C-alpha atoms as a PDB file:
ATOM      1  CA  MET A   1      19.375 102.609  52.633  1.00  0.00           C
ATOM      2  CA  ASN A   2      20.531 104.071  49.369  1.00  0.00           C
ATOM      3  CA  THR A   3      19.097 103.418  45.916  1.00  0.00           C
ATOM      4  CA  HIS A   4      21.870 101.010  44.933  1.00  0.00           C
ATOM      5  CA  ARG A   5      21.145  98.755  47.890  1.00  0.00           C
ATOM      6  CA  ILE A   6      17.419  98.819  47.199  1.00  0.00           C
ATOM      7  CA  VAL A   7      17.970  97.840  43.567  1.00  0.00           C
ATOM      8  CA  SER A   8      20.371  95.090  44.612  1.00  0.00           C
ATOM      9  CA  CYS A   9      17.801  93.719  47.043  1.00  0.00           C
ATOM     10  CA  LEU A  10      15.091  93.699  44.391  1.00  0.00           C
ATOM     11  CA  SER A  11      17.389  92.026  41.887  1.00  0.00           C
ATOM     12  CA  MET A  12      18.289  89.342  44.396  1.00  0.00           C
ATOM     13  CA  ARG A  13      14.615  88.746  45.175  1.00  0.00           C
ATOM     14  CA  ASN A  14      13.692  88.504  41.506  1.00  0.00           C
ATOM     15  CA  SER A  15      16.533  86.132  40.639  1.00  0.00           C
ATOM     16  CA  ALA A  16      16.257  83.820  43.649  1.00  0.00           C
ATOM     17  CA  ALA A  17      14.917  80.335  43.001  1.00  0.00           C
ATOM     18  CA  SER A  18      13.469  79.780  46.475  1.00  0.00           C
ATOM     19  CA  PRO A  19      11.167  82.403  48.071  1.00  0.00           C
ATOM     20  CA  SER A  20      12.223  81.407  51.589  1.00  0.00           C
ATOM     21  CA  TYR A  21      15.885  81.605  50.619  1.00  0.00           C
ATOM     22  CA  ALA A  22      15.265  84.953  48.962  1.00  0.00           C
ATOM     23  CA  TYR A  23      13.561  86.335  52.064  1.00  0.00           C
ATOM     24  CA  SER A  24      16.329  85.304  54.433  1.00  0.00           C
ATOM     25  CA  HIS A  25      19.037  86.524  52.077  1.00  0.00           C
ATOM     26  CA  ILE A  26      17.330  89.864  51.435  1.00  0.00           C
ATOM     27  CA  HIS A  27      16.627  90.339  55.141  1.00  0.00           C
ATOM     28  CA  ALA A  28      20.293  89.799  55.957  1.00  0.00           C
ATOM     29  CA  PHE A  29      21.461  92.083  53.158  1.00  0.00           C
ATOM     30  CA  CYS A  30      18.876  94.841  53.498  1.00  0.00           C
ATOM     31  CA  SER A  31      18.338  95.028  57.242  1.00  0.00           C
END
């Protein structure tokens, strides 16, 4: 992973309303 992807993942996690949604979305994006 590069820095841009890591930052994007963190931003998505921080802005997500639902923790479970955030986890699944981050997992799909960052895997």
